[in-house]
Amino acid sequence: MPRFPGKEGLSFNFQGGYVAQNITDEGMKHITQNCHNLERLALSGCSSIRDITLKELSQNCPDLKTLEVASCVHLSDSGFIPLAKVRN
């Protein structure tokens, strides 16, 4: 997978749509490992996303400023701790 050097934003937040339902932690792992310059990410409605994706974001996307996760029902409060630690 090619790396993307510019500042970026990605949106998968098609509430209840085919794309949102099929975004997985494994897919997000590939994205975070190859898009280190992400500044904005919209995952609202991605019902398969779990806390491991938040950990991958904290480790691989230091420039992330905006994260939308409405209706990501498998995310827990503790999953956001790694992101908060990176920002402080």
PDB file of N, CA and C in Angstrom:
ATOM      1  N   MET A   1       0.841  -1.171   0.000  1.00  0.00           N
ATOM      2  CA  MET A   1       0.000   0.000   0.000  1.00  0.00           C
ATOM      3  C   MET A   1       0.889   1.237   0.000  1.00  0.00           C
ATOM      4  N   PRO A   2       0.619   2.216  -0.866  1.00  0.00           N
ATOM      5  CA  PRO A   2       1.453   3.410  -0.917  1.00  0.00           C
ATOM      6  C   PRO A   2       1.240   4.303   0.296  1.00  0.00           C
ATOM      7  N   ARG A   3       2.261   5.040   0.662  1.00  0.00           N
ATOM      8  CA  ARG A   3       2.137   6.025   1.738  1.00  0.00           C
ATOM      9  C   ARG A   3       1.694   7.342   1.103  1.00  0.00           C
ATOM     10  N   PHE A   4       0.913   8.095   1.852  1.00  0.00           N
ATOM     11  CA  PHE A   4       0.401   9.363   1.362  1.00  0.00           C
ATOM     12  C   PHE A   4       1.052  10.479   2.166  1.00  0.00           C
ATOM     13  N   PRO A   5       1.890  11.305   1.546  1.00  0.00           N
ATOM     14  CA  PRO A   5       2.689  12.268   2.288  1.00  0.00           C
ATOM     15  C   PRO A   5       1.944  13.506   2.776  1.00  0.00           C
ATOM     16  N   GLY A   6       0.855  13.915   2.158  1.00  0.00           N
ATOM     17  CA  GLY A   6       0.187  15.163   2.522  1.00  0.00           C
ATOM     18  C   GLY A   6      -0.699  15.041   3.741  1.00  0.00           C
ATOM     19  N   LYS A   7      -1.145  16.180   4.253  1.00  0.00           N
ATOM     20  CA  LYS A   7      -2.118  16.192   5.340  1.00  0.00           C
ATOM     21  C   LYS A   7      -3.429  15.699   4.767  1.00  0.00           C
ATOM     22  N   GLU A   8      -4.105  14.879   5.533  1.00  0.00           N
ATOM     23  CA  GLU A   8      -5.241  14.188   4.972  1.00  0.00           C
ATOM     24  C   GLU A   8      -6.434  14.153   5.892  1.00  0.00           C
ATOM     25  N   GLY A   9      -7.557  13.866   5.270  1.00  0.00           N
ATOM     26  CA  GLY A   9      -8.768  13.558   5.998  1.00  0.00           C
ATOM     27  C   GLY A   9      -9.458  12.407   5.295  1.00  0.00           C
ATOM     28  N   LEU A  10     -10.018  11.506   6.068  1.00  0.00           N
ATOM     29  CA  LEU A  10     -10.765  10.383   5.514  1.00  0.00           C
ATOM     30  C   LEU A  10     -12.131  10.339   6.165  1.00  0.00           C
ATOM     31  N   SER A  11     -13.122   9.952   5.382  1.00  0.00           N
ATOM     32  CA  SER A  11     -14.471   9.836   5.918  1.00  0.00           C
ATOM     33  C   SER A  11     -15.077   8.507   5.509  1.00  0.00           C
ATOM     34  N   PHE A  12     -15.502   7.753   6.502  1.00  0.00           N
ATOM     35  CA  PHE A  12     -16.215   6.503   6.274  1.00  0.00           C
ATOM     36  C   PHE A  12     -17.574   6.557   6.960  1.00  0.00           C
ATOM     37  N   ASN A  13     -18.050   7.754   7.279  1.00  0.00           N
ATOM     38  CA  ASN A  13     -19.218   7.888   8.138  1.00  0.00           C
ATOM     39  C   ASN A  13     -20.541   7.894   7.380  1.00  0.00           C
ATOM     40  N   PHE A  14     -20.790   6.893   6.618  1.00  0.00           N
ATOM     41  CA  PHE A  14     -22.070   6.736   5.941  1.00  0.00           C
ATOM     42  C   PHE A  14     -22.990   5.982   6.879  1.00  0.00           C
ATOM     43  N   GLN A  15     -23.679   6.703   7.746  1.00  0.00           N
ATOM     44  CA  GLN A  15     -24.488   6.102   8.800  1.00  0.00           C
ATOM     45  C   GLN A  15     -25.361   4.977   8.267  1.00  0.00           C
ATOM     46  N   GLY A  16     -25.123   3.785   8.768  1.00  0.00           N
ATOM     47  CA  GLY A  16     -25.932   2.638   8.395  1.00  0.00           C
ATOM     48  C   GLY A  16     -25.684   2.116   6.987  1.00  0.00           C
ATOM     49  N   GLY A  17     -24.709   2.692   6.288  1.00  0.00           N
ATOM     50  CA  GLY A  17     -24.457   2.281   4.915  1.00  0.00           C
ATOM     51  C   GLY A  17     -23.504   1.112   4.808  1.00  0.00           C
ATOM     52  N   TYR A  18     -23.395   0.589   3.611  1.00  0.00           N
ATOM     53  CA  TYR A  18     -22.563  -0.571   3.341  1.00  0.00           C
ATOM     54  C   TYR A  18     -21.105  -0.315   3.722  1.00  0.00           C
ATOM     55  N   VAL A  19     -20.582   0.836   3.336  1.00  0.00           N
ATOM     56  CA  VAL A  19     -19.169   1.123   3.601  1.00  0.00           C
ATOM     57  C   VAL A  19     -18.901   1.155   5.095  1.00  0.00           C
ATOM     58  N   ALA A  20     -19.695   1.894   5.850  1.00  0.00           N
ATOM     59  CA  ALA A  20     -19.476   2.028   7.288  1.00  0.00           C
ATOM     60  C   ALA A  20     -19.530   0.679   7.990  1.00  0.00           C
ATOM     61  N   GLN A  21     -20.435  -0.163   7.614  1.00  0.00           N
ATOM     62  CA  GLN A  21     -20.586  -1.458   8.269  1.00  0.00           C
ATOM     63  C   GLN A  21     -19.446  -2.408   7.961  1.00  0.00           C
ATOM     64  N   ASN A  22     -18.707  -2.146   6.917  1.00  0.00           N
ATOM     65  CA  ASN A  22     -17.650  -3.055   6.506  1.00  0.00           C
ATOM     66  C   ASN A  22     -16.243  -2.552   6.800  1.00  0.00           C
ATOM     67  N   ILE A  23     -16.121  -1.426   7.480  1.00  0.00           N
ATOM     68  CA  ILE A  23     -14.813  -0.956   7.925  1.00  0.00           C
ATOM     69  C   ILE A  23     -14.451  -1.746   9.178  1.00  0.00           C
ATOM     70  N   THR A  24     -13.302  -2.392   9.163  1.00  0.00           N
ATOM     71  CA  THR A  24     -12.894  -3.248  10.277  1.00  0.00           C
ATOM     72  C   THR A  24     -11.642  -2.699  10.961  1.00  0.00           C
ATOM     73  N   ASP A  25     -11.342  -3.249  12.116  1.00  0.00           N
ATOM     74  CA  ASP A  25     -10.106  -2.882  12.810  1.00  0.00           C
ATOM     75  C   ASP A  25      -8.888  -3.234  11.964  1.00  0.00           C
ATOM     76  N   GLU A  26      -8.931  -4.347  11.283  1.00  0.00           N
ATOM     77  CA  GLU A  26      -7.802  -4.751  10.432  1.00  0.00           C
ATOM     78  C   GLU A  26      -7.611  -3.753   9.289  1.00  0.00           C
ATOM     79  N   GLY A  27      -8.690  -3.326   8.680  1.00  0.00           N
ATOM     80  CA  GLY A  27      -8.601  -2.320   7.625  1.00  0.00           C
ATOM     81  C   GLY A  27      -8.067  -0.999   8.151  1.00  0.00           C
ATOM     82  N   MET A  28      -8.531  -0.611   9.331  1.00  0.00           N
ATOM     83  CA  MET A  28      -8.051   0.630   9.931  1.00  0.00           C
ATOM     84  C   MET A  28      -6.581   0.526  10.314  1.00  0.00           C
ATOM     85  N   LYS A  29      -6.130  -0.662  10.682  1.00  0.00           N
ATOM     86  CA  LYS A  29      -4.710  -0.849  10.995  1.00  0.00           C
ATOM     87  C   LYS A  29      -3.858  -0.530   9.772  1.00  0.00           C
ATOM     88  N   HIS A  30      -4.272  -1.008   8.611  1.00  0.00           N
ATOM     89  CA  HIS A  30      -3.535  -0.721   7.376  1.00  0.00           C
ATOM     90  C   HIS A  30      -3.550   0.772   7.063  1.00  0.00           C
ATOM     91  N   ILE A  31      -4.686   1.403   7.280  1.00  0.00           N
ATOM     92  CA  ILE A  31      -4.781   2.839   7.020  1.00  0.00           C
ATOM     93  C   ILE A  31      -3.864   3.613   7.963  1.00  0.00           C
ATOM     94  N   THR A  32      -3.911   3.307   9.254  1.00  0.00           N
ATOM     95  CA  THR A  32      -3.087   4.063  10.208  1.00  0.00           C
ATOM     96  C   THR A  32      -1.596   3.832   9.998  1.00  0.00           C
ATOM     97  N   GLN A  33      -1.224   2.653   9.537  1.00  0.00           N
ATOM     98  CA  GLN A  33       0.188   2.364   9.307  1.00  0.00           C
ATOM     99  C   GLN A  33       0.721   3.032   8.047  1.00  0.00           C
ATOM    100  N   ASN A  34      -0.173   3.465   7.170  1.00  0.00           N
ATOM    101  CA  ASN A  34       0.260   4.044   5.904  1.00  0.00           C
ATOM    102  C   ASN A  34      -0.156   5.491   5.692  1.00  0.00           C
ATOM    103  N   CYS A  35      -0.944   6.025   6.579  1.00  0.00           N
ATOM    104  CA  CYS A  35      -1.403   7.410   6.466  1.00  0.00           C
ATOM    105  C   CYS A  35      -1.070   8.149   7.762  1.00  0.00           C
ATOM    106  N   HIS A  36       0.203   8.300   8.031  1.00  0.00           N
ATOM    107  CA  HIS A  36       0.652   8.902   9.285  1.00  0.00           C
ATOM    108  C   HIS A  36       0.289  10.374   9.417  1.00  0.00           C
ATOM    109  N   ASN A  37      -0.057  11.018   8.319  1.00  0.00           N
ATOM    110  CA  ASN A  37      -0.356  12.447   8.343  1.00  0.00           C
ATOM    111  C   ASN A  37      -1.839  12.755   8.489  1.00  0.00           C
ATOM    112  N   LEU A  38      -2.630  11.769   8.845  1.00  0.00           N
ATOM    113  CA  LEU A  38      -4.059  12.017   9.018  1.00  0.00           C
ATOM    114  C   LEU A  38      -4.296  13.109  10.047  1.00  0.00           C
ATOM    115  N   GLU A  39      -5.131  14.066   9.683  1.00  0.00           N
ATOM    116  CA  GLU A  39      -5.545  15.109  10.619  1.00  0.00           C
ATOM    117  C   GLU A  39      -7.013  14.964  10.995  1.00  0.00           C
ATOM    118  N   ARG A  40      -7.811  14.410  10.083  1.00  0.00           N
ATOM    119  CA  ARG A  40      -9.247  14.265  10.314  1.00  0.00           C
ATOM    120  C   ARG A  40      -9.675  12.858   9.915  1.00  0.00           C
ATOM    121  N   LEU A  41     -10.493  12.257  10.757  1.00  0.00           N
ATOM    122  CA  LEU A  41     -11.004  10.922  10.464  1.00  0.00           C
ATOM    123  C   LEU A  41     -12.439  10.821  10.955  1.00  0.00           C
ATOM    124  N   ALA A  42     -13.329  10.467  10.068  1.00  0.00           N
ATOM    125  CA  ALA A  42     -14.748  10.310  10.407  1.00  0.00           C
ATOM    126  C   ALA A  42     -15.116   8.837  10.286  1.00  0.00           C
ATOM    127  N   LEU A  43     -15.405   8.222  11.416  1.00  0.00           N
ATOM    128  CA  LEU A  43     -15.763   6.807  11.462  1.00  0.00           C
ATOM    129  C   LEU A  43     -17.189   6.587  11.968  1.00  0.00           C
ATOM    130  N   SER A  44     -17.958   7.657  12.091  1.00  0.00           N
ATOM    131  CA  SER A  44     -19.316   7.541  12.624  1.00  0.00           C
ATOM    132  C   SER A  44     -20.105   6.483  11.861  1.00  0.00           C
ATOM    133  N   GLY A  45     -20.739   5.603  12.620  1.00  0.00           N
ATOM    134  CA  GLY A  45     -21.540   4.543  12.020  1.00  0.00           C
ATOM    135  C   GLY A  45     -20.762   3.286  11.684  1.00  0.00           C
ATOM    136  N   CYS A  46     -19.467   3.298  11.878  1.00  0.00           N
ATOM    137  CA  CYS A  46     -18.647   2.109  11.615  1.00  0.00           C
ATOM    138  C   CYS A  46     -18.792   1.164  12.805  1.00  0.00           C
ATOM    139  N   SER A  47     -19.784   0.334  12.755  1.00  0.00           N
ATOM    140  CA  SER A  47     -20.175  -0.466  13.912  1.00  0.00           C
ATOM    141  C   SER A  47     -19.216  -1.605  14.250  1.00  0.00           C
ATOM    142  N   SER A  48     -18.243  -1.889  13.406  1.00  0.00           N
ATOM    143  CA  SER A  48     -17.287  -2.967  13.689  1.00  0.00           C
ATOM    144  C   SER A  48     -16.015  -2.478  14.371  1.00  0.00           C
ATOM    145  N   ILE A  49     -15.826  -1.170  14.440  1.00  0.00           N
ATOM    146  CA  ILE A  49     -14.607  -0.598  15.004  1.00  0.00           C
ATOM    147  C   ILE A  49     -14.581  -0.805  16.519  1.00  0.00           C
ATOM    148  N   ARG A  50     -13.418  -1.214  17.027  1.00  0.00           N
ATOM    149  CA  ARG A  50     -13.230  -1.450  18.464  1.00  0.00           C
ATOM    150  C   ARG A  50     -12.062  -0.602  18.989  1.00  0.00           C
ATOM    151  N   ASP A  51     -11.796  -0.726  20.254  1.00  0.00           N
ATOM    152  CA  ASP A  51     -10.753   0.075  20.905  1.00  0.00           C
ATOM    153  C   ASP A  51      -9.377  -0.088  20.266  1.00  0.00           C
ATOM    154  N   ILE A  52      -9.095  -1.221  19.677  1.00  0.00           N
ATOM    155  CA  ILE A  52      -7.777  -1.440  19.058  1.00  0.00           C
ATOM    156  C   ILE A  52      -7.509  -0.404  17.964  1.00  0.00           C
ATOM    157  N   THR A  53      -8.546   0.045  17.284  1.00  0.00           N
ATOM    158  CA  THR A  53      -8.368   1.086  16.265  1.00  0.00           C
ATOM    159  C   THR A  53      -7.919   2.389  16.910  1.00  0.00           C
ATOM    160  N   LEU A  54      -8.457   2.722  18.067  1.00  0.00           N
ATOM    161  CA  LEU A  54      -8.030   3.937  18.772  1.00  0.00           C
ATOM    162  C   LEU A  54      -6.567   3.827  19.177  1.00  0.00           C
ATOM    163  N   LYS A  55      -6.148   2.643  19.605  1.00  0.00           N
ATOM    164  CA  LYS A  55      -4.744   2.430  19.963  1.00  0.00           C
ATOM    165  C   LYS A  55      -3.848   2.615  18.739  1.00  0.00           C
ATOM    166  N   GLU A  56      -4.258   2.049  17.598  1.00  0.00           N
ATOM    167  CA  GLU A  56      -3.481   2.202  16.358  1.00  0.00           C
ATOM    168  C   GLU A  56      -3.385   3.672  15.960  1.00  0.00           C
ATOM    169  N   LEU A  57      -4.477   4.404  16.102  1.00  0.00           N
ATOM    170  CA  LEU A  57      -4.454   5.834  15.791  1.00  0.00           C
ATOM    171  C   LEU A  57      -3.468   6.570  16.688  1.00  0.00           C
ATOM    172  N   SER A  58      -3.461   6.240  17.972  1.00  0.00           N
ATOM    173  CA  SER A  58      -2.557   6.924  18.903  1.00  0.00           C
ATOM    174  C   SER A  58      -1.094   6.627  18.589  1.00  0.00           C
ATOM    175  N   GLN A  59      -0.808   5.437  18.100  1.00  0.00           N
ATOM    176  CA  GLN A  59       0.567   5.045  17.807  1.00  0.00           C
ATOM    177  C   GLN A  59       1.059   5.533  16.446  1.00  0.00           C
ATOM    178  N   ASN A  60       0.155   5.668  15.487  1.00  0.00           N
ATOM    179  CA  ASN A  60       0.576   5.904  14.104  1.00  0.00           C
ATOM    180  C   ASN A  60       0.159   7.236  13.494  1.00  0.00           C
ATOM    181  N   CYS A  61      -0.742   7.966  14.137  1.00  0.00           N
ATOM    182  CA  CYS A  61      -1.264   9.202  13.534  1.00  0.00           C
ATOM    183  C   CYS A  61      -1.126  10.367  14.518  1.00  0.00           C
ATOM    184  N   PRO A  62       0.082  10.861  14.725  1.00  0.00           N
ATOM    185  CA  PRO A  62       0.309  11.901  15.731  1.00  0.00           C
ATOM    186  C   PRO A  62      -0.330  13.244  15.392  1.00  0.00           C
ATOM    187  N   ASP A  63      -0.676  13.482  14.141  1.00  0.00           N
ATOM    188  CA  ASP A  63      -1.258  14.762  13.742  1.00  0.00           C
ATOM    189  C   ASP A  63      -2.780  14.780  13.801  1.00  0.00           C
ATOM    190  N   LEU A  64      -3.390  13.676  14.227  1.00  0.00           N
ATOM    191  CA  LEU A  64      -4.850  13.588  14.258  1.00  0.00           C
ATOM    192  C   LEU A  64      -5.432  14.646  15.194  1.00  0.00           C
ATOM    193  N   LYS A  65      -6.315  15.467  14.647  1.00  0.00           N
ATOM    194  CA  LYS A  65      -6.937  16.541  15.423  1.00  0.00           C
ATOM    195  C   LYS A  65      -8.435  16.329  15.602  1.00  0.00           C
ATOM    196  N   THR A  66      -9.078  15.715  14.625  1.00  0.00           N
ATOM    197  CA  THR A  66     -10.522  15.520  14.666  1.00  0.00           C
ATOM    198  C   THR A  66     -10.842  14.057  14.422  1.00  0.00           C
ATOM    199  N   LEU A  67     -11.633  13.479  15.323  1.00  0.00           N
ATOM    200  CA  LEU A  67     -12.058  12.088  15.203  1.00  0.00           C
ATOM    201  C   LEU A  67     -13.548  12.019  15.486  1.00  0.00           C
ATOM    202  N   GLU A  68     -14.315  11.585  14.509  1.00  0.00           N
ATOM    203  CA  GLU A  68     -15.762  11.450  14.667  1.00  0.00           C
ATOM    204  C   GLU A  68     -16.095   9.968  14.812  1.00  0.00           C
ATOM    205  N   VAL A  69     -16.749   9.615  15.926  1.00  0.00           N
ATOM    206  CA  VAL A  69     -17.033   8.207  16.194  1.00  0.00           C
ATOM    207  C   VAL A  69     -18.477   7.972  16.672  1.00  0.00           C
ATOM    208  N   ALA A  70     -19.397   8.837  16.292  1.00  0.00           N
ATOM    209  CA  ALA A  70     -20.793   8.646  16.690  1.00  0.00           C
ATOM    210  C   ALA A  70     -21.284   7.281  16.209  1.00  0.00           C
ATOM    211  N   SER A  71     -22.008   6.603  17.038  1.00  0.00           N
ATOM    212  CA  SER A  71     -22.602   5.289  16.735  1.00  0.00           C
ATOM    213  C   SER A  71     -21.571   4.185  16.538  1.00  0.00           C
ATOM    214  N   CYS A  72     -20.364   4.376  17.013  1.00  0.00           N
ATOM    215  CA  CYS A  72     -19.371   3.299  17.047  1.00  0.00           C
ATOM    216  C   CYS A  72     -19.559   2.604  18.394  1.00  0.00           C
ATOM    217  N   VAL A  73     -20.467   1.673  18.430  1.00  0.00           N
ATOM    218  CA  VAL A  73     -20.974   1.113  19.684  1.00  0.00           C
ATOM    219  C   VAL A  73     -19.977   0.236  20.443  1.00  0.00           C
ATOM    220  N   HIS A  74     -18.907  -0.183  19.808  1.00  0.00           N
ATOM    221  CA  HIS A  74     -17.940  -1.055  20.477  1.00  0.00           C
ATOM    222  C   HIS A  74     -16.751  -0.300  21.065  1.00  0.00           C
ATOM    223  N   LEU A  75     -16.773   1.029  21.014  1.00  0.00           N
ATOM    224  CA  LEU A  75     -15.702   1.819  21.619  1.00  0.00           C
ATOM    225  C   LEU A  75     -16.038   2.069  23.083  1.00  0.00           C
ATOM    226  N   SER A  76     -15.022   1.960  23.933  1.00  0.00           N
ATOM    227  CA  SER A  76     -15.238   2.197  25.362  1.00  0.00           C
ATOM    228  C   SER A  76     -14.459   3.438  25.794  1.00  0.00           C
ATOM    229  N   ASP A  77     -14.792   3.939  26.959  1.00  0.00           N
ATOM    230  CA  ASP A  77     -14.071   5.092  27.494  1.00  0.00           C
ATOM    231  C   ASP A  77     -12.578   4.809  27.599  1.00  0.00           C
ATOM    232  N   SER A  78     -12.230   3.610  28.040  1.00  0.00           N
ATOM    233  CA  SER A  78     -10.813   3.281  28.203  1.00  0.00           C
ATOM    234  C   SER A  78     -10.073   3.232  26.872  1.00  0.00           C
ATOM    235  N   GLY A  79     -10.789   3.019  25.787  1.00  0.00           N
ATOM    236  CA  GLY A  79     -10.158   3.003  24.473  1.00  0.00           C
ATOM    237  C   GLY A  79      -9.606   4.353  24.059  1.00  0.00           C
ATOM    238  N   PHE A  80     -10.149   5.421  24.634  1.00  0.00           N
ATOM    239  CA  PHE A  80      -9.701   6.766  24.273  1.00  0.00           C
ATOM    240  C   PHE A  80      -8.476   7.212  25.071  1.00  0.00           C
ATOM    241  N   ILE A  81      -8.115   6.486  26.106  1.00  0.00           N
ATOM    242  CA  ILE A  81      -6.981   6.875  26.945  1.00  0.00           C
ATOM    243  C   ILE A  81      -5.675   6.997  26.149  1.00  0.00           C
ATOM    244  N   PRO A  82      -5.333   6.027  25.278  1.00  0.00           N
ATOM    245  CA  PRO A  82      -4.088   6.192  24.512  1.00  0.00           C
ATOM    246  C   PRO A  82      -4.081   7.459  23.646  1.00  0.00           C
ATOM    247  N   LEU A  83      -5.224   7.824  23.086  1.00  0.00           N
ATOM    248  CA  LEU A  83      -5.291   9.056  22.274  1.00  0.00           C
ATOM    249  C   LEU A  83      -5.081  10.276  23.163  1.00  0.00           C
ATOM    250  N   ALA A  84      -5.671  10.274  24.327  1.00  0.00           N
ATOM    251  CA  ALA A  84      -5.525  11.418  25.238  1.00  0.00           C
ATOM    252  C   ALA A  84      -4.077  11.565  25.696  1.00  0.00           C
ATOM    253  N   LYS A  85      -3.390  10.469  25.941  1.00  0.00           N
ATOM    254  CA  LYS A  85      -1.996  10.518  26.382  1.00  0.00           C
ATOM    255  C   LYS A  85      -1.093  11.094  25.315  1.00  0.00           C
ATOM    256  N   VAL A  86      -1.373  10.772  24.056  1.00  0.00           N
ATOM    257  CA  VAL A  86      -0.570  11.295  22.945  1.00  0.00           C
ATOM    258  C   VAL A  86      -0.745  12.796  22.826  1.00  0.00           C
ATOM    259  N   ARG A  87      -1.917  13.288  23.115  1.00  0.00           N
ATOM    260  CA  ARG A  87      -2.227  14.712  22.942  1.00  0.00           C
ATOM    261  C   ARG A  87      -1.686  15.580  24.059  1.00  0.00           C
ATOM    262  N   ASN A  88      -1.309  15.000  25.180  1.00  0.00           N
ATOM    263  CA  ASN A  88      -0.821  15.791  26.320  1.00  0.00           C
ATOM    264  C   ASN A  88       0.674  15.897  26.324  1.00  0.00           C
TER     265      ASN A  88
END
